[in-house]
Structure formats: C-alpha cells, structure tokens
Amino acid sequence: MPQSNDLKRYRCSEIFSQSTGVELREAFKAHEEGGQVTERAGRVQLRFFKLTPKTNPDEVTQIRFICEPDEAFALGVMIAQVAASSAPCKEKLAPHKFPGSEQAAETVTTLAVEKWERGGKSGYALTVGRGKDFISVPVPLGKFLFAGEFLKSLAVEQCWVERPEKKH
C-alpha cells in the first residue's frame, strides 16, 4: 500500500456523461527567464475528454482550456445565468487564440455553456471547441449548477502569485 506522502492533494471535480466528461481543477502558469522559473500564478483548468476509444489515429480525445481566475469566475456566473433562463440559450467566454507556426494557422479555442432543447427534451451542456474538434458534456441541472459554484470557488482560491522575495 502506498505511503500517504506519495499522494498529492488538489481541488478537482469531474463530471461525466455517457461518452464525455470534464475535469475542473486548480492549475498554474509558470513564467521562465533563461530556463529558470521566475514566477508562478494561479489558474483554473477545464479538461474535456472523450470516454470512447479513438476511431482514427488523428482524433482528438481531450482539449484543455486554462482560465485566468476572473475568467473562471465569469464562467461560473454564466452557468448560473443560463440555468436560470426560461428559454434555451448559449453563453461563451472570449475565445483563446494562440499564434500558429509558419505552416499552421492560429489556434482558436472556445468554451460555451448552454441550455438546450431538442425533440421535446431539454438539458444543459458545457462545450469546448478547437478548430474543427468539439467535445460537449451534457449535464443535469444539479451538476451544472455545482460546476458553476465550484468554478467560482476555485477562481477565488487561485488568485495567487509566487515570486522571489526582494531583499531590501
């Protein structure tokens, strides 16, 4: 049996549907200069994943979306607003854009929360998209609202920065 000091504790919540899931957890961003970490800052990570096996070698099975704390808090607020809506609706965070290489185009990642209605059924979903790849996680209302509250809590807790102490 492993020793308890082998375990790393972190705040995390996972939500599963039949074929997809999303993991909400604390994260950090490190800034480096000359190969040395000069600063770390708190972030919130949403990792969307598929539970089904790949159907082809190029298939994307997971997409990560890293939020700054205020973005994660805004997402939590959006979830509450969408849940309270009497009609189907969709809200999106501002897209994250990263420049591509000389051969590749810019990478754009979007994150949306929605209340949907189709064929007499309705529900809620968190969806991430990157290029032509999308992963949608349908969730019941209770888990949808929990995700919003958990994101708001994580957002506040992840408002931190680590820097070298300045000597006076």
C-alpha atoms as a PDB file:
ATOM      1  CA  MET A   1       0.000   0.000   0.000  1.00  0.00           C
ATOM      2  CA  PRO A   2       1.458   3.413  -0.921  1.00  0.00           C
ATOM      3  CA  GLN A   3       2.561   5.795   1.798  1.00  0.00           C
ATOM      4  CA  SER A   4       0.288   8.807   2.310  1.00  0.00           C
ATOM      5  CA  ASN A   5       3.183  11.138   1.385  1.00  0.00           C
ATOM      6  CA  ASP A   6       3.055   9.640  -2.168  1.00  0.00           C
ATOM      7  CA  LEU A   7      -0.354  11.260  -2.672  1.00  0.00           C
ATOM      8  CA  LYS A   8      -0.809  14.801  -3.996  1.00  0.00           C
ATOM      9  CA  ARG A   9      -3.992  16.560  -2.946  1.00  0.00           C
ATOM     10  CA  TYR A  10      -5.606  19.108  -5.245  1.00  0.00           C
ATOM     11  CA  ARG A  11      -9.076  20.582  -5.656  1.00  0.00           C
ATOM     12  CA  CYS A  12     -10.844  18.850  -8.515  1.00  0.00           C
ATOM     13  CA  SER A  13     -14.314  17.904  -9.688  1.00  0.00           C
ATOM     14  CA  GLU A  14     -15.186  15.572 -12.560  1.00  0.00           C
ATOM     15  CA  ILE A  15     -18.488  15.464 -14.395  1.00  0.00           C
ATOM     16  CA  PHE A  16     -19.287  12.533 -16.681  1.00  0.00           C
ATOM     17  CA  SER A  17     -21.896  11.953 -19.373  1.00  0.00           C
ATOM     18  CA  GLN A  18     -22.333   8.699 -21.313  1.00  0.00           C
ATOM     19  CA  SER A  19     -19.397   9.337 -23.664  1.00  0.00           C
ATOM     20  CA  THR A  20     -17.638  12.523 -22.477  1.00  0.00           C
ATOM     21  CA  GLY A  21     -16.517  14.272 -19.327  1.00  0.00           C
ATOM     22  CA  VAL A  22     -14.942  17.423 -17.958  1.00  0.00           C
ATOM     23  CA  GLU A  23     -12.453  17.803 -15.123  1.00  0.00           C
ATOM     24  CA  LEU A  24     -12.365  21.151 -13.289  1.00  0.00           C
ATOM     25  CA  ARG A  25      -9.180  21.697 -11.290  1.00  0.00           C
ATOM     26  CA  GLU A  26      -6.656  24.121  -9.980  1.00  0.00           C
ATOM     27  CA  ALA A  27      -3.638  24.854 -12.168  1.00  0.00           C
ATOM     28  CA  PHE A  28      -0.834  27.387 -12.504  1.00  0.00           C
ATOM     29  CA  LYS A  29       1.088  29.239 -15.181  1.00  0.00           C
ATOM     30  CA  ALA A  30       4.864  29.456 -14.889  1.00  0.00           C
ATOM     31  CA  HIS A  31       6.928  32.299 -16.343  1.00  0.00           C
ATOM     32  CA  GLU A  32      10.519  31.447 -17.247  1.00  0.00           C
ATOM     33  CA  GLU A  33      13.591  33.534 -17.984  1.00  0.00           C
ATOM     34  CA  GLY A  34      16.782  31.821 -19.068  1.00  0.00           C
ATOM     35  CA  GLY A  35      15.439  28.378 -18.170  1.00  0.00           C
ATOM     36  CA  GLN A  36      14.578  29.453 -14.602  1.00  0.00           C
ATOM     37  CA  VAL A  37      11.035  29.817 -13.275  1.00  0.00           C
ATOM     38  CA  THR A  38      10.755  33.449 -12.169  1.00  0.00           C
ATOM     39  CA  GLU A  39       7.059  33.498 -11.301  1.00  0.00           C
ATOM     40  CA  ARG A  40       4.050  31.205 -10.948  1.00  0.00           C
ATOM     41  CA  ALA A  41       0.429  32.362 -10.951  1.00  0.00           C
ATOM     42  CA  GLY A  42      -2.835  30.577 -10.176  1.00  0.00           C
ATOM     43  CA  ARG A  43      -5.144  29.386 -12.970  1.00  0.00           C
ATOM     44  CA  VAL A  44      -8.199  27.130 -13.354  1.00  0.00           C
ATOM     45  CA  GLN A  45      -8.125  24.252 -15.844  1.00  0.00           C
ATOM     46  CA  LEU A  46     -11.065  22.627 -17.608  1.00  0.00           C
ATOM     47  CA  ARG A  47     -10.028  19.361 -19.286  1.00  0.00           C
ATOM     48  CA  PHE A  48     -12.707  17.996 -21.609  1.00  0.00           C
ATOM     49  CA  PHE A  49     -12.304  14.358 -22.651  1.00  0.00           C
ATOM     50  CA  LYS A  50     -13.984  11.558 -24.572  1.00  0.00           C
ATOM     51  CA  LEU A  51     -14.672   8.238 -22.867  1.00  0.00           C
ATOM     52  CA  THR A  52     -14.895   6.343 -26.171  1.00  0.00           C
ATOM     53  CA  PRO A  53     -11.905   4.796 -27.958  1.00  0.00           C
ATOM     54  CA  LYS A  54     -10.320   6.652 -30.878  1.00  0.00           C
ATOM     55  CA  THR A  55     -11.917   5.887 -34.235  1.00  0.00           C
ATOM     56  CA  ASN A  56      -8.849   7.154 -36.143  1.00  0.00           C
ATOM     57  CA  PRO A  57      -5.244   7.993 -35.137  1.00  0.00           C
ATOM     58  CA  ASP A  58      -5.717  11.773 -35.618  1.00  0.00           C
ATOM     59  CA  GLU A  59      -8.852  12.002 -33.461  1.00  0.00           C
ATOM     60  CA  VAL A  60      -8.679  14.470 -30.584  1.00  0.00           C
ATOM     61  CA  THR A  61      -9.705  12.797 -27.319  1.00  0.00           C
ATOM     62  CA  GLN A  62      -9.135  15.705 -24.944  1.00  0.00           C
ATOM     63  CA  ILE A  63      -8.986  19.501 -25.020  1.00  0.00           C
ATOM     64  CA  ARG A  64      -7.715  21.683 -22.183  1.00  0.00           C
ATOM     65  CA  PHE A  65      -8.941  25.224 -21.536  1.00  0.00           C
ATOM     66  CA  ILE A  66      -6.890  27.196 -18.991  1.00  0.00           C
ATOM     67  CA  CYS A  67      -8.703  30.172 -17.427  1.00  0.00           C
ATOM     68  CA  GLU A  68      -7.357  33.109 -15.516  1.00  0.00           C
ATOM     69  CA  PRO A  69      -9.177  33.325 -12.168  1.00  0.00           C
ATOM     70  CA  ASP A  70     -11.503  36.119 -13.305  1.00  0.00           C
ATOM     71  CA  GLU A  71     -12.451  34.129 -16.438  1.00  0.00           C
ATOM     72  CA  ALA A  72     -13.285  31.062 -14.325  1.00  0.00           C
ATOM     73  CA  PHE A  73     -15.413  33.239 -12.049  1.00  0.00           C
ATOM     74  CA  ALA A  74     -17.216  34.756 -15.072  1.00  0.00           C
ATOM     75  CA  LEU A  75     -17.861  31.225 -16.364  1.00  0.00           C
ATOM     76  CA  GLY A  76     -19.417  30.300 -13.005  1.00  0.00           C
ATOM     77  CA  VAL A  77     -21.683  33.362 -13.234  1.00  0.00           C
ATOM     78  CA  MET A  78     -22.617  32.441 -16.842  1.00  0.00           C
ATOM     79  CA  ILE A  79     -23.608  28.943 -15.741  1.00  0.00           C
ATOM     80  CA  ALA A  80     -25.964  30.400 -13.109  1.00  0.00           C
ATOM     81  CA  GLN A  81     -27.491  32.797 -15.674  1.00  0.00           C
ATOM     82  CA  VAL A  82     -28.010  30.047 -18.262  1.00  0.00           C
ATOM     83  CA  ALA A  83     -29.517  27.734 -15.618  1.00  0.00           C
ATOM     84  CA  ALA A  84     -31.962  30.469 -14.588  1.00  0.00           C
ATOM     85  CA  SER A  85     -33.094  31.137 -18.180  1.00  0.00           C
ATOM     86  CA  SER A  86     -36.623  30.081 -19.077  1.00  0.00           C
ATOM     87  CA  ALA A  87     -35.652  29.634 -22.764  1.00  0.00           C
ATOM     88  CA  PRO A  88     -32.795  27.785 -24.476  1.00  0.00           C
ATOM     89  CA  CYS A  89     -29.662  29.954 -24.612  1.00  0.00           C
ATOM     90  CA  LYS A  90     -25.904  29.795 -25.025  1.00  0.00           C
ATOM     91  CA  GLU A  91     -23.151  31.904 -23.468  1.00  0.00           C
ATOM     92  CA  LYS A  92     -19.473  31.877 -24.447  1.00  0.00           C
ATOM     93  CA  LEU A  93     -16.241  33.022 -22.872  1.00  0.00           C
ATOM     94  CA  ALA A  94     -13.983  35.135 -25.066  1.00  0.00           C
ATOM     95  CA  PRO A  95     -12.026  32.741 -27.323  1.00  0.00           C
ATOM     96  CA  HIS A  96      -8.411  31.904 -26.503  1.00  0.00           C
ATOM     97  CA  LYS A  97      -6.142  32.478 -29.504  1.00  0.00           C
ATOM     98  CA  PHE A  98      -2.587  31.272 -29.978  1.00  0.00           C
ATOM     99  CA  PRO A  99      -0.408  32.083 -32.996  1.00  0.00           C
ATOM    100  CA  GLY A 100       0.397  29.164 -35.263  1.00  0.00           C
ATOM    101  CA  SER A 101       3.710  28.184 -36.780  1.00  0.00           C
ATOM    102  CA  GLU A 102       4.650  29.216 -40.307  1.00  0.00           C
ATOM    103  CA  GLN A 103       2.827  26.140 -41.667  1.00  0.00           C
ATOM    104  CA  ALA A 104      -0.163  26.193 -39.297  1.00  0.00           C
ATOM    105  CA  ALA A 105      -2.907  28.738 -38.778  1.00  0.00           C
ATOM    106  CA  GLU A 106      -3.757  30.403 -35.474  1.00  0.00           C
ATOM    107  CA  THR A 107      -5.283  28.061 -32.878  1.00  0.00           C
ATOM    108  CA  VAL A 108      -8.629  29.260 -31.504  1.00  0.00           C
ATOM    109  CA  THR A 109     -10.306  27.554 -28.541  1.00  0.00           C
ATOM    110  CA  THR A 110     -13.861  28.391 -27.484  1.00  0.00           C
ATOM    111  CA  LEU A 111     -15.795  27.482 -24.355  1.00  0.00           C
ATOM    112  CA  ALA A 112     -19.599  27.661 -24.142  1.00  0.00           C
ATOM    113  CA  VAL A 113     -22.319  26.806 -21.642  1.00  0.00           C
ATOM    114  CA  GLU A 114     -25.862  26.235 -22.828  1.00  0.00           C
ATOM    115  CA  LYS A 115     -29.412  25.310 -22.037  1.00  0.00           C
ATOM    116  CA  TRP A 116     -30.670  23.240 -24.992  1.00  0.00           C
ATOM    117  CA  GLU A 117     -33.997  21.918 -26.177  1.00  0.00           C
ATOM    118  CA  ARG A 118     -34.396  19.295 -28.943  1.00  0.00           C
ATOM    119  CA  GLY A 119     -37.147  16.863 -29.789  1.00  0.00           C
ATOM    120  CA  GLY A 120     -39.138  17.580 -26.645  1.00  0.00           C
ATOM    121  CA  LYS A 121     -36.097  17.064 -24.391  1.00  0.00           C
ATOM    122  CA  SER A 122     -34.002  19.716 -22.681  1.00  0.00           C
ATOM    123  CA  GLY A 123     -30.818  19.914 -20.686  1.00  0.00           C
ATOM    124  CA  TYR A 124     -27.562  21.700 -20.048  1.00  0.00           C
ATOM    125  CA  ALA A 125     -24.080  21.318 -21.515  1.00  0.00           C
ATOM    126  CA  LEU A 126     -20.526  22.573 -21.309  1.00  0.00           C
ATOM    127  CA  THR A 127     -18.785  22.555 -24.700  1.00  0.00           C
ATOM    128  CA  VAL A 128     -15.230  23.224 -25.810  1.00  0.00           C
ATOM    129  CA  GLY A 129     -14.120  23.645 -29.405  1.00  0.00           C
ATOM    130  CA  ARG A 130     -10.716  23.913 -31.036  1.00  0.00           C
ATOM    131  CA  GLY A 131     -10.665  24.227 -34.806  1.00  0.00           C
ATOM    132  CA  LYS A 132     -12.954  21.502 -36.170  1.00  0.00           C
ATOM    133  CA  ASP A 133     -12.842  19.465 -32.921  1.00  0.00           C
ATOM    134  CA  PHE A 134     -15.595  19.774 -30.318  1.00  0.00           C
ATOM    135  CA  ILE A 135     -16.308  17.977 -27.064  1.00  0.00           C
ATOM    136  CA  SER A 136     -19.696  18.551 -25.457  1.00  0.00           C
ATOM    137  CA  VAL A 137     -20.595  17.324 -21.977  1.00  0.00           C
ATOM    138  CA  PRO A 138     -24.364  17.203 -21.319  1.00  0.00           C
ATOM    139  CA  VAL A 139     -25.109  17.515 -17.595  1.00  0.00           C
ATOM    140  CA  PRO A 140     -28.180  17.503 -15.348  1.00  0.00           C
ATOM    141  CA  LEU A 141     -29.135  20.798 -13.696  1.00  0.00           C
ATOM    142  CA  GLY A 142     -27.677  19.917 -10.272  1.00  0.00           C
ATOM    143  CA  LYS A 143     -24.241  19.104 -11.673  1.00  0.00           C
ATOM    144  CA  PHE A 144     -24.392  22.145 -13.980  1.00  0.00           C
ATOM    145  CA  LEU A 145     -25.055  24.440 -11.004  1.00  0.00           C
ATOM    146  CA  PHE A 146     -22.405  22.663  -8.915  1.00  0.00           C
ATOM    147  CA  ALA A 147     -19.845  23.215 -11.694  1.00  0.00           C
ATOM    148  CA  GLY A 148     -20.663  26.929 -11.640  1.00  0.00           C
ATOM    149  CA  GLU A 149     -20.253  27.203  -7.867  1.00  0.00           C
ATOM    150  CA  PHE A 150     -17.069  25.109  -7.910  1.00  0.00           C
ATOM    151  CA  LEU A 151     -15.579  27.322 -10.656  1.00  0.00           C
ATOM    152  CA  LYS A 152     -16.350  30.460  -8.636  1.00  0.00           C
ATOM    153  CA  SER A 153     -14.764  28.929  -5.531  1.00  0.00           C
ATOM    154  CA  LEU A 154     -11.664  27.761  -7.426  1.00  0.00           C
ATOM    155  CA  ALA A 155     -11.374  31.159  -9.122  1.00  0.00           C
ATOM    156  CA  VAL A 156     -11.129  32.993  -5.815  1.00  0.00           C
ATOM    157  CA  GLU A 157      -8.719  30.437  -4.354  1.00  0.00           C
ATOM    158  CA  GLN A 158      -6.454  30.580  -7.432  1.00  0.00           C
ATOM    159  CA  CYS A 159      -5.848  34.334  -7.107  1.00  0.00           C
ATOM    160  CA  TRP A 160      -2.214  33.976  -6.061  1.00  0.00           C
ATOM    161  CA  VAL A 161       1.266  34.575  -7.410  1.00  0.00           C
ATOM    162  CA  GLU A 162       4.679  33.253  -6.313  1.00  0.00           C
ATOM    163  CA  ARG A 163       7.671  35.487  -6.912  1.00  0.00           C
ATOM    164  CA  PRO A 164      11.170  35.595  -5.459  1.00  0.00           C
ATOM    165  CA  GLU A 165      11.255  37.700  -2.320  1.00  0.00           C
ATOM    166  CA  LYS A 166      13.015  41.005  -2.873  1.00  0.00           C
ATOM    167  CA  LYS A 167      15.869  41.634  -0.447  1.00  0.00           C
ATOM    168  CA  HIS A 168      15.950  45.199   0.920  1.00  0.00           C
END
